[in-house]
Amino acid sequence: MSDTTVRQPLTPTPLSAPQYNDLMWAHLRTREGMGGRIYTDPKGIPTMGAGIALATKGADGVFRLNDPAEIGRQISGDPNNPYKFTPAEQKLLEDTVAKLNDPTIGDDKARAAAAQKLIPPLDLGKEAATGQVVAANNKFGFTLGQDRMKDLTLGKLPQYTKSAMDDVKKAAIERGMTEQQAQAYVDRLRGSKEEAALTSLYYNGVQSPAAIKAILNGDRVRLRQEILYRSNPASNSSSQGGIADRRKAEADLATGDPSTWTPEEKARWAAIENSPEAQAYRAKFPNTFPPQQEQTPAPTATATAATNSAAAQPPADDAPASDDQAADDSGAKSTADAPDDSVPAVSGDTILGHARSVMGSGAWSPGCINDDLVGMDDKRHKYVADMLDRAGAPVPNEPDTRPTSADWADPDFDIPGWPTVDGAAQKGDVLAIKPNPPGFWDYGGGVRFATGDDTTVGVNDFGNVDESDWGFQDKQAPTVRRWDNLVDDDGKEPVGSAWF
């Protein structure tokens, strides 16, 4: 088994073809604006309709004008009777594109401004919102009606949808699906709100592997975070405000309203919303995020228990959670038992599923991540804490509060929610052996998850996650701990199994 084991992806929200087309047109005409003429976008690129670019930037960084004959066919909508640019109009297009490539004109911002002097950008008040054309701004001999702009936009969507779905399929295969399974999931995404969100991102020039990973992980909390807060870089400069609105709409398409989520999801989202990253972003764009919006109320004790302390989000399934995302409020290793009503029901299958979901990963090997971790034991107990965070049976997970292998192995050391037990280990139990003293020839210790079959899952001596007979070898007598509210079935979707 490898670290590409497949989780259950999000279940798509299907739309009929008319619903999908109407949704995409309404979304894009609002987010892109409607230009019934050729105009320049914020980057100075000649554009028409709802963001139909007439020049393309190649891999060499050079902008090139699209085929004028093809542009003419797009304008008329009739392949046999395309709009024909006059020599002066074609020269204007070529000169505008040349400004974008002119190395003597400062930076990209200056080149965009130079291009916009030749072909005016949209008047946001009089043109973009209505599709009307201000005659003085129109340098060409045609105008586009709304029906033509809609047809143009919907006609361009398939190429962006294909790019997005190709990336989904590739990522699905990389994460363990067969070719047939990956294609079947892509087919399920077709015509869905989730596909619409990805298509809009790609239409806007944003490829988000992290968002695709979240879809394949069935993690709409992470998906919303990636689209809403992590897909609008500062390089968008003056366009950032409008793009913030767009990302909000795309996040809503992809994940729905967080108020409809499960208690566990709401708790995780509340932690994200309270993070410095989210607060700084919202403060930067108050028009997109009025004070009452995107402020998920603090989770109740019951909801909080589902993810413990901060529980910001599970990490990507091939890397450990960062310490600042899995913080505990205690500030010290607790010696007090957690209240009974704060211990959520979790099954051994859920705990072991998360432990196995990163099988083969070397993300917890020395020197790979987390500068606070310097030794092999640190990596072992960090892995255990990260997996328990994901499973909803957490322990403190900061450098000075996270239980070490020795702590797990010490029956007198109290780990809230994880008492020691006698008898045979069960699936999802944590097994630990106290390490030998520093300088001893054999490390000897460790902490891993029991599978219920006389094997355990954890980080091996080479820093990789594996399954072995560690803990059941001759003369080994590990301490066994069990989640205080371990159940046979917690109602959660299986982790590490295929989606179908």
Protein backbone atom coordinates (compact mmCIF):
# COMPACT_ATOMS: atom_id res chain seq x y z
CA MET A 1 0.00 0.00 0.00
CA SER A 2 1.23 3.53 -0.64
CA ASP A 3 0.54 7.07 0.47
CA THR A 4 -1.68 7.48 -2.57
CA THR A 5 -4.49 5.47 -0.99
CA VAL A 6 -7.78 6.94 -2.07
CA ARG A 7 -10.25 8.59 0.26
CA GLN A 8 -13.88 9.15 -0.61
CA PRO A 9 -14.21 12.29 -2.74
CA LEU A 10 -16.96 14.85 -2.39
CA THR A 11 -20.35 13.84 -3.69
CA PRO A 12 -21.08 16.23 -6.60
CA THR A 13 -24.13 18.49 -6.61
CA PRO A 14 -25.65 17.86 -10.06
CA LEU A 15 -27.38 20.44 -12.24
CA SER A 16 -29.37 20.05 -15.43
CA ALA A 17 -27.70 21.38 -18.59
CA PRO A 18 -29.94 24.51 -18.69
CA GLN A 19 -29.33 25.12 -14.98
CA TYR A 20 -25.58 24.77 -15.43
CA ASN A 21 -25.46 27.12 -18.43
CA ASP A 22 -27.65 29.74 -16.76
CA LEU A 23 -25.60 29.54 -13.58
CA MET A 24 -22.28 29.91 -15.40
CA TRP A 25 -23.48 32.81 -17.52
CA ALA A 26 -24.92 34.67 -14.54
CA HIS A 27 -21.74 34.02 -12.56
CA LEU A 28 -19.26 35.00 -15.27
CA ARG A 29 -21.08 38.07 -16.55
CA THR A 30 -21.10 39.33 -12.95
CA ARG A 31 -17.49 38.42 -12.17
CA GLU A 32 -15.92 39.17 -15.55
CA GLY A 33 -18.14 42.08 -16.52
CA MET A 34 -19.81 42.31 -19.92
CA GLY A 35 -18.02 44.12 -22.68
CA GLY A 36 -20.06 44.63 -25.83
CA ARG A 37 -16.88 45.76 -27.57
CA ILE A 38 -13.16 45.04 -27.60
CA TYR A 39 -11.59 46.45 -24.44
CA THR A 40 -8.43 45.90 -22.39
CA ASP A 41 -8.59 43.98 -19.13
CA PRO A 42 -6.66 45.03 -15.98
CA LYS A 43 -3.53 43.39 -17.40
CA GLY A 44 -3.88 45.27 -20.68
CA ILE A 45 -4.91 42.21 -22.68
CA PRO A 46 -7.37 42.89 -25.55
CA THR A 47 -10.64 41.24 -24.51
CA MET A 48 -14.30 41.14 -25.48
CA GLY A 49 -17.56 39.86 -24.05
CA ALA A 50 -17.31 38.33 -20.58
CA GLY A 51 -13.55 37.96 -20.38
CA ILE A 52 -12.83 36.44 -23.80
CA ALA A 53 -9.10 37.17 -24.21
CA LEU A 54 -7.92 37.98 -27.73
CA ALA A 55 -4.23 37.47 -26.99
CA THR A 56 -2.44 34.62 -25.30
CA LYS A 57 0.75 34.58 -23.25
CA GLY A 58 3.02 31.76 -24.33
CA ALA A 59 5.38 29.63 -22.28
CA ASP A 60 8.15 32.02 -23.33
CA GLY A 61 6.32 34.90 -21.65
CA VAL A 62 5.44 36.61 -24.94
CA PHE A 63 1.89 37.74 -25.70
CA ARG A 64 0.59 36.87 -29.16
CA LEU A 65 -2.58 38.06 -30.85
CA ASN A 66 -5.04 35.28 -31.60
CA ASP A 67 -5.86 34.59 -35.24
CA PRO A 68 -7.83 37.66 -36.44
CA ALA A 69 -9.96 35.46 -38.70
CA GLU A 70 -10.97 33.31 -35.71
CA ILE A 71 -11.71 36.43 -33.67
CA GLY A 72 -13.90 37.60 -36.55
CA ARG A 73 -15.84 34.33 -36.49
CA GLN A 74 -16.32 34.68 -32.74
CA ILE A 75 -17.68 38.19 -33.20
CA SER A 76 -20.21 37.27 -35.89
CA GLY A 77 -21.09 33.80 -34.68
CA ASP A 78 -21.20 32.76 -38.34
CA PRO A 79 -18.18 30.81 -39.62
CA ASN A 80 -19.13 31.70 -43.18
CA ASN A 81 -19.50 35.40 -42.55
CA PRO A 82 -16.87 36.52 -40.02
CA TYR A 83 -16.33 40.10 -38.99
CA LYS A 84 -13.40 41.44 -41.02
CA PHE A 85 -11.06 43.88 -39.30
CA THR A 86 -9.98 46.89 -41.29
CA PRO A 87 -6.20 47.32 -41.67
CA ALA A 88 -6.33 50.10 -39.07
CA GLU A 89 -8.28 47.92 -36.60
CA GLN A 90 -5.90 45.00 -36.99
CA LYS A 91 -2.91 47.30 -36.53
CA LEU A 92 -4.50 48.67 -33.35
CA LEU A 93 -4.81 45.14 -31.96
CA GLU A 94 -1.22 44.33 -32.92
CA ASP A 95 0.09 47.58 -31.44
CA THR A 96 -1.78 46.96 -28.20
CA VAL A 97 -0.30 43.48 -27.84
CA ALA A 98 3.13 44.90 -28.69
CA LYS A 99 2.86 47.21 -25.67
CA LEU A 100 2.51 44.16 -23.44
CA ASN A 101 5.81 42.80 -24.77
CA ASP A 102 7.76 46.08 -24.83
CA PRO A 103 10.79 45.73 -22.50
CA THR A 104 11.38 49.49 -22.57
CA ILE A 105 8.09 50.19 -20.76
CA GLY A 106 8.85 49.62 -17.09
CA ASP A 107 7.02 46.75 -15.43
CA ASP A 108 3.85 44.80 -16.19
CA LYS A 109 1.70 47.49 -14.60
CA ALA A 110 3.20 50.18 -16.83
CA ARG A 111 2.83 48.01 -19.93
CA ALA A 112 -0.82 47.37 -19.08
CA ALA A 113 -1.40 51.11 -18.73
CA ALA A 114 0.25 51.70 -22.11
CA ALA A 115 -2.00 49.11 -23.73
CA GLN A 116 -5.08 50.65 -22.14
CA LYS A 117 -4.26 54.00 -23.69
CA LEU A 118 -4.71 52.41 -27.11
CA ILE A 119 -7.86 50.39 -26.37
CA PRO A 120 -9.85 51.77 -23.40
CA PRO A 121 -10.79 49.41 -20.57
CA LEU A 122 -14.43 48.94 -19.65
CA ASP A 123 -16.23 51.74 -17.91
CA LEU A 124 -17.26 49.82 -14.80
CA GLY A 125 -20.32 51.93 -14.13
CA LYS A 126 -21.66 52.40 -17.66
CA GLU A 127 -20.44 49.31 -19.50
CA ALA A 128 -19.29 46.37 -17.38
CA ALA A 129 -22.47 45.92 -15.37
CA THR A 130 -24.89 46.33 -18.27
CA GLY A 131 -23.08 45.25 -21.42
CA GLN A 132 -23.86 48.61 -22.97
CA VAL A 133 -21.17 50.33 -25.05
CA VAL A 134 -19.93 53.89 -24.60
CA ALA A 135 -19.44 54.96 -28.22
CA ALA A 136 -16.34 57.03 -27.51
CA ASN A 137 -14.61 53.95 -26.06
CA ASN A 138 -15.33 51.71 -29.04
CA LYS A 139 -12.41 51.63 -31.48
CA PHE A 140 -13.95 48.97 -33.72
CA GLY A 141 -16.86 48.75 -36.11
CA PHE A 142 -19.12 46.35 -34.22
CA THR A 143 -20.89 45.80 -30.91
CA LEU A 144 -21.88 42.55 -29.22
CA GLY A 145 -25.39 41.93 -27.94
CA GLN A 146 -26.00 40.02 -24.71
CA ASP A 147 -27.11 36.86 -26.52
CA ARG A 148 -23.87 36.84 -28.52
CA MET A 149 -21.82 37.45 -25.38
CA LYS A 150 -23.59 34.57 -23.65
CA ASP A 151 -22.98 32.23 -26.58
CA LEU A 152 -19.33 33.30 -26.72
CA THR A 153 -18.85 32.67 -23.03
CA LEU A 154 -20.58 29.30 -22.95
CA GLY A 155 -18.72 28.31 -26.11
CA LYS A 156 -15.37 28.94 -24.39
CA LEU A 157 -16.21 27.05 -21.21
CA PRO A 158 -15.51 23.50 -22.49
CA GLN A 159 -11.79 24.15 -22.92
CA TYR A 160 -11.47 25.32 -19.31
CA THR A 161 -13.69 22.52 -18.02
CA LYS A 162 -11.55 19.99 -19.89
CA SER A 163 -8.35 21.37 -18.37
CA ALA A 164 -9.86 21.24 -14.89
CA MET A 165 -11.26 17.72 -15.29
CA ASP A 166 -7.99 16.47 -16.81
CA ASP A 167 -6.22 17.70 -13.68
CA VAL A 168 -8.82 16.06 -11.43
CA LYS A 169 -8.39 12.76 -13.25
CA LYS A 170 -4.59 12.96 -13.10
CA ALA A 171 -4.66 13.75 -9.37
CA ALA A 172 -7.16 10.95 -8.72
CA ILE A 173 -4.91 8.41 -10.43
CA GLU A 174 -1.88 9.70 -8.54
CA ARG A 175 -3.83 9.19 -5.32
CA GLY A 176 -4.66 5.56 -6.00
CA MET A 177 -7.68 5.34 -8.29
CA THR A 178 -7.50 3.21 -11.39
CA GLU A 179 -7.95 4.88 -14.77
CA GLN A 180 -11.54 3.65 -14.88
CA GLN A 181 -12.36 4.81 -11.35
CA ALA A 182 -10.84 8.23 -11.96
CA GLN A 183 -12.80 8.66 -15.20
CA ALA A 184 -15.99 7.53 -13.48
CA TYR A 185 -15.54 10.19 -10.80
CA VAL A 186 -14.84 12.86 -13.42
CA ASP A 187 -18.03 11.80 -15.18
CA ARG A 188 -19.93 12.27 -11.91
CA LEU A 189 -18.49 15.77 -11.59
CA ARG A 190 -19.76 16.77 -15.04
CA GLY A 191 -22.44 19.44 -14.89
CA SER A 192 -22.15 19.84 -11.12
CA LYS A 193 -21.68 22.90 -8.93
CA GLU A 194 -18.24 21.61 -8.00
CA GLU A 195 -17.23 21.42 -11.65
CA ALA A 196 -18.64 24.92 -12.18
CA ALA A 197 -16.40 26.25 -9.40
CA LEU A 198 -13.28 24.63 -10.86
CA THR A 199 -14.19 25.80 -14.37
CA SER A 200 -14.56 29.37 -13.12
CA LEU A 201 -11.14 29.18 -11.44
CA TYR A 202 -9.51 27.90 -14.61
CA TYR A 203 -11.37 30.50 -16.70
CA ASN A 204 -9.74 33.06 -14.40
CA GLY A 205 -6.30 31.51 -14.93
CA VAL A 206 -6.13 29.77 -11.55
CA GLN A 207 -5.11 26.13 -11.31
CA SER A 208 -5.48 24.97 -7.71
CA PRO A 209 -4.01 21.52 -7.00
CA ALA A 210 -4.84 22.02 -3.33
CA ALA A 211 -8.54 22.56 -4.14
CA ILE A 212 -8.57 19.45 -6.32
CA LYS A 213 -6.89 17.47 -3.54
CA ALA A 214 -9.57 18.66 -1.11
CA ILE A 215 -12.31 17.50 -3.52
CA LEU A 216 -10.68 14.09 -3.81
CA ASN A 217 -10.29 13.92 -0.02
CA GLY A 218 -13.96 14.76 0.49
CA ASP A 219 -12.85 17.75 2.54
CA ARG A 220 -15.09 20.71 1.82
CA VAL A 221 -13.65 22.68 4.76
CA ARG A 222 -10.19 22.64 3.20
CA LEU A 223 -11.75 23.21 -0.24
CA ARG A 224 -13.47 26.37 0.94
CA GLN A 225 -10.29 27.61 2.60
CA GLU A 226 -8.21 27.07 -0.54
CA ILE A 227 -10.66 28.84 -2.85
CA LEU A 228 -11.73 31.62 -0.51
CA TYR A 229 -8.46 32.58 1.16
CA ARG A 230 -5.61 31.10 -0.87
CA SER A 231 -6.42 31.78 -4.53
CA ASN A 232 -6.12 35.57 -4.71
CA PRO A 233 -2.42 36.47 -4.45
CA ALA A 234 -1.08 39.99 -4.05
CA SER A 235 0.15 39.78 -7.65
CA ASN A 236 -3.48 40.41 -8.69
CA SER A 237 -2.81 43.97 -7.47
CA SER A 238 -5.67 46.31 -8.35
CA SER A 239 -7.89 43.38 -9.33
CA GLN A 240 -7.75 41.77 -5.89
CA GLY A 241 -10.97 43.36 -4.64
CA GLY A 242 -13.06 42.08 -7.52
CA ILE A 243 -11.35 38.70 -7.39
CA ALA A 244 -12.16 38.43 -3.68
CA ASP A 245 -15.86 38.69 -4.63
CA ARG A 246 -15.34 36.07 -7.30
CA ARG A 247 -13.58 33.65 -4.96
CA LYS A 248 -16.41 34.01 -2.46
CA ALA A 249 -18.92 33.05 -5.15
CA GLU A 250 -16.73 30.13 -6.29
CA ALA A 251 -16.34 28.89 -2.73
CA ASP A 252 -20.12 28.98 -2.29
CA LEU A 253 -20.54 26.97 -5.48
CA ALA A 254 -18.00 24.37 -4.42
CA THR A 255 -18.96 23.90 -0.79
CA GLY A 256 -22.36 25.38 -0.13
CA ASP A 257 -23.16 27.43 2.96
CA PRO A 258 -21.06 26.47 6.01
CA SER A 259 -24.14 26.88 8.20
CA THR A 260 -25.46 23.66 6.61
CA TRP A 261 -22.36 21.63 7.44
CA THR A 262 -21.90 18.96 10.09
CA PRO A 263 -20.87 19.99 13.63
CA GLU A 264 -17.35 18.70 13.02
CA GLU A 265 -17.03 20.74 9.83
CA LYS A 266 -18.43 23.84 11.51
CA ALA A 267 -15.89 23.50 14.31
CA ARG A 268 -13.01 23.25 11.87
CA TRP A 269 -14.32 26.16 9.83
CA ALA A 270 -14.70 28.31 12.95
CA ALA A 271 -11.05 27.68 13.76
CA ILE A 272 -10.03 28.70 10.23
CA GLU A 273 -12.20 31.81 10.38
CA ASN A 274 -10.54 32.80 13.64
CA SER A 275 -7.05 32.34 12.23
CA PRO A 276 -4.84 35.38 11.52
CA GLU A 277 -4.79 34.43 7.84
CA ALA A 278 -8.56 34.64 7.44
CA GLN A 279 -8.98 37.71 9.64
CA ALA A 280 -6.31 39.66 7.75
CA TYR A 281 -7.81 38.69 4.40
CA ARG A 282 -11.34 39.70 5.38
CA ALA A 283 -10.11 42.99 6.79
CA LYS A 284 -8.40 43.72 3.48
CA PHE A 285 -11.65 43.27 1.53
CA PRO A 286 -14.50 44.69 3.67
CA ASN A 287 -16.83 44.98 0.66
CA THR A 288 -16.65 41.21 0.18
CA PHE A 289 -16.70 40.42 3.88
CA PRO A 290 -18.96 42.76 5.85
CA PRO A 291 -18.57 42.18 9.59
CA GLN A 292 -21.48 39.74 9.73
CA GLN A 293 -20.31 37.57 6.82
CA GLU A 294 -17.98 34.58 6.89
CA GLN A 295 -17.91 34.83 10.69
CA THR A 296 -18.87 31.33 11.75
CA PRO A 297 -19.96 31.46 15.42
CA ALA A 298 -17.62 29.87 17.89
CA PRO A 299 -18.46 26.17 18.03
CA THR A 300 -20.38 24.76 20.94
CA ALA A 301 -18.71 22.45 23.41
CA THR A 302 -20.17 19.48 21.57
CA ALA A 303 -18.95 20.67 18.19
CA THR A 304 -15.59 21.61 19.59
CA ALA A 305 -15.19 18.17 21.08
CA ALA A 306 -15.38 16.69 17.62
CA THR A 307 -12.07 18.24 16.72
CA ASN A 308 -10.67 19.27 20.16
CA SER A 309 -8.70 22.42 20.89
CA ALA A 310 -8.09 24.50 17.76
CA ALA A 311 -8.40 21.68 15.23
CA ALA A 312 -8.00 24.12 12.38
CA GLN A 313 -8.04 21.45 9.68
CA PRO A 314 -6.47 18.13 8.85
CA PRO A 315 -3.22 18.51 6.95
CA ALA A 316 -2.82 17.43 3.37
CA ASP A 317 -2.73 13.66 3.55
CA ASP A 318 0.91 13.43 2.52
CA ALA A 319 2.25 15.89 5.11
CA PRO A 320 1.90 16.36 8.87
CA ALA A 321 -0.25 19.10 10.32
CA SER A 322 1.75 22.20 11.15
CA ASP A 323 2.03 22.90 14.84
CA ASP A 324 0.23 26.22 14.56
CA GLN A 325 -2.73 24.45 12.92
CA ALA A 326 -3.06 21.79 15.61
CA ALA A 327 -2.57 23.86 18.74
CA ASP A 328 -3.91 22.94 22.17
CA ASP A 329 -5.05 25.64 24.56
CA SER A 330 -3.57 24.04 27.64
CA GLY A 331 0.00 25.30 27.21
CA ALA A 332 1.25 22.29 29.18
CA LYS A 333 0.79 18.55 29.25
CA SER A 334 -2.53 18.04 30.95
CA THR A 335 -2.96 15.83 33.96
CA ALA A 336 -6.72 16.36 34.26
CA ASP A 337 -9.28 14.01 32.78
CA ALA A 338 -11.48 15.52 30.08
CA PRO A 339 -15.19 15.79 30.92
CA ASP A 340 -17.20 12.84 29.71
CA ASP A 341 -19.34 14.98 27.42
CA SER A 342 -16.23 16.34 25.68
CA VAL A 343 -15.12 12.96 24.32
CA PRO A 344 -16.68 12.30 20.92
CA ALA A 345 -17.46 8.79 19.74
CA VAL A 346 -14.75 7.54 17.38
CA SER A 347 -14.31 4.07 15.93
CA GLY A 348 -11.15 2.04 15.58
CA ASP A 349 -11.80 1.90 11.85
CA THR A 350 -11.70 5.71 11.64
CA ILE A 351 -8.46 5.97 13.62
CA LEU A 352 -6.75 3.19 11.68
CA GLY A 353 -8.11 4.50 8.39
CA HIS A 354 -6.40 7.82 8.93
CA ALA A 355 -3.20 6.10 10.08
CA ARG A 356 -3.11 4.00 6.92
CA SER A 357 -4.15 6.84 4.60
CA VAL A 358 -0.52 8.03 4.39
CA MET A 359 1.12 4.61 4.16
CA GLY A 360 4.57 4.87 2.63
CA SER A 361 4.84 8.62 3.16
CA GLY A 362 8.21 9.98 4.26
CA ALA A 363 6.74 13.28 5.37
CA TRP A 364 7.58 12.56 9.01
CA SER A 365 11.22 11.67 8.34
CA PRO A 366 13.97 13.71 10.06
CA GLY A 367 14.67 17.00 8.34
CA CYS A 368 11.51 16.83 6.22
CA ILE A 369 9.32 19.27 8.12
CA ASN A 370 8.82 21.05 11.43
CA ASP A 371 12.01 22.70 12.60
CA ASP A 372 11.02 22.00 16.22
CA LEU A 373 11.49 18.29 15.60
CA VAL A 374 15.07 17.13 15.77
CA GLY A 375 14.97 13.40 16.46
CA MET A 376 13.32 10.26 15.20
CA ASP A 377 11.11 9.96 18.28
CA ASP A 378 9.78 13.47 17.64
CA LYS A 379 8.65 12.36 14.20
CA ARG A 380 7.00 9.23 15.53
CA HIS A 381 4.84 10.93 18.11
CA LYS A 382 4.13 13.87 15.79
CA TYR A 383 2.69 11.42 13.26
CA VAL A 384 0.50 9.82 15.94
CA ALA A 385 -0.77 13.22 17.11
CA ASP A 386 -1.49 14.34 13.53
CA MET A 387 -3.48 11.20 12.74
CA LEU A 388 -5.49 11.52 15.96
CA ASP A 389 -6.28 15.14 15.07
CA ARG A 390 -7.70 13.96 11.77
CA ALA A 391 -9.67 11.11 13.32
CA GLY A 392 -11.33 13.35 15.92
CA ALA A 393 -9.64 11.71 18.91
CA PRO A 394 -6.98 14.37 19.47
CA VAL A 395 -4.18 14.95 21.91
CA PRO A 396 -2.19 18.16 22.51
CA ASN A 397 -0.11 18.77 19.39
CA GLU A 398 2.36 21.55 20.02
CA PRO A 399 6.08 20.93 20.62
CA ASP A 400 5.91 21.51 24.36
CA THR A 401 2.58 19.74 24.92
CA ARG A 402 2.59 16.79 22.51
CA PRO A 403 2.92 13.40 24.27
CA THR A 404 6.22 11.70 23.44
CA SER A 405 6.75 7.98 22.98
CA ALA A 406 7.91 7.84 26.59
CA ASP A 407 4.74 9.65 27.72
CA TRP A 408 2.51 7.24 25.80
CA ALA A 409 4.43 4.32 27.32
CA ASP A 410 4.31 5.60 30.91
CA PRO A 411 1.15 4.26 32.61
CA ASP A 412 1.41 7.02 35.22
CA PHE A 413 1.38 9.81 32.62
CA ASP A 414 -2.14 11.08 31.98
CA ILE A 415 -3.12 11.71 28.34
CA PRO A 416 -6.68 13.10 28.34
CA GLY A 417 -9.07 10.80 26.51
CA TRP A 418 -6.44 8.07 26.19
CA PRO A 419 -6.27 5.92 29.36
CA THR A 420 -4.16 2.77 29.54
CA VAL A 421 -5.97 -0.56 29.23
CA ASP A 422 -5.16 -4.17 30.02
CA GLY A 423 -5.59 -7.09 27.66
CA ALA A 424 -5.15 -7.49 23.93
CA ALA A 425 -4.83 -4.43 21.73
CA GLN A 426 -7.78 -3.54 19.53
CA LYS A 427 -7.97 -1.78 16.21
CA GLY A 428 -7.23 1.93 16.70
CA ASP A 429 -5.42 1.50 20.03
CA VAL A 430 -2.09 3.26 20.53
CA LEU A 431 0.85 1.05 21.49
CA ALA A 432 4.00 2.57 22.97
CA ILE A 433 7.38 1.41 24.26
CA LYS A 434 9.65 3.70 26.24
CA PRO A 435 12.84 4.51 24.30
CA ASN A 436 16.22 3.51 25.64
CA PRO A 437 18.33 6.26 27.22
CA PRO A 438 20.26 8.56 24.84
CA GLY A 439 23.49 7.01 23.60
CA PHE A 440 22.18 3.43 23.95
CA TRP A 441 23.04 1.37 20.89
CA ASP A 442 19.40 0.53 20.19
CA TYR A 443 16.66 3.18 20.17
CA GLY A 444 14.21 0.54 21.25
CA GLY A 445 11.10 2.64 21.73
CA GLY A 446 8.28 4.06 19.68
CA VAL A 447 4.56 4.69 19.41
CA ARG A 448 2.24 3.24 16.75
CA PHE A 449 -1.38 2.32 16.00
CA ALA A 450 -2.72 -1.21 16.50
CA THR A 451 -4.46 -2.82 13.53
CA GLY A 452 -6.17 -5.60 15.48
CA ASP A 453 -4.17 -8.21 13.55
CA ASP A 454 -0.92 -8.33 15.58
CA THR A 455 0.60 -5.56 13.46
CA THR A 456 0.95 -1.82 13.94
CA VAL A 457 1.12 1.27 11.72
CA GLY A 458 3.59 4.06 12.38
CA VAL A 459 6.84 5.76 11.40
CA ASN A 460 9.72 3.29 11.00
CA ASP A 461 13.45 3.78 11.57
CA PHE A 462 13.84 5.14 8.04
CA GLY A 463 11.20 7.83 8.59
CA ASN A 464 8.48 6.21 6.46
CA VAL A 465 4.96 5.19 7.49
CA ASP A 466 4.66 1.40 7.35
CA GLU A 467 2.84 -1.58 8.80
CA SER A 468 4.89 -4.17 10.67
CA ASP A 469 4.86 -6.54 13.64
CA TRP A 470 6.45 -3.90 15.87
CA GLY A 471 4.83 -4.12 19.29
CA PHE A 472 4.19 -7.86 18.91
CA GLN A 473 7.78 -8.99 18.54
CA ASP A 474 9.46 -11.32 21.02
CA LYS A 475 10.05 -9.73 24.44
CA GLN A 476 8.19 -6.51 23.51
CA ALA A 477 5.57 -5.45 26.07
CA PRO A 478 4.05 -2.17 24.92
CA THR A 479 1.71 -0.02 26.94
CA VAL A 480 -1.75 -0.03 25.36
CA ARG A 481 -4.00 3.03 25.36
CA ARG A 482 -7.53 3.25 24.03
CA TRP A 483 -9.74 6.22 23.15
CA ASP A 484 -12.15 6.84 26.02
CA ASN A 485 -15.21 6.68 23.77
CA LEU A 486 -14.20 4.03 21.24
CA VAL A 487 -17.22 2.65 19.38
CA ASP A 488 -17.76 0.00 16.74
CA ASP A 489 -19.30 2.42 14.25
CA ASP A 490 -19.09 6.22 14.48
CA GLY A 491 -21.07 6.77 11.27
CA LYS A 492 -18.15 8.37 9.45
CA GLU A 493 -17.22 7.56 5.88
CA PRO A 494 -14.38 5.03 5.59
CA VAL A 495 -10.96 6.55 5.17
CA GLY A 496 -8.50 4.97 2.78
CA SER A 497 -11.10 3.12 0.71
CA ALA A 498 -12.06 3.81 -2.87
CA TRP A 499 -14.98 6.14 -3.50
CA PHE A 500 -17.20 3.73 -5.35
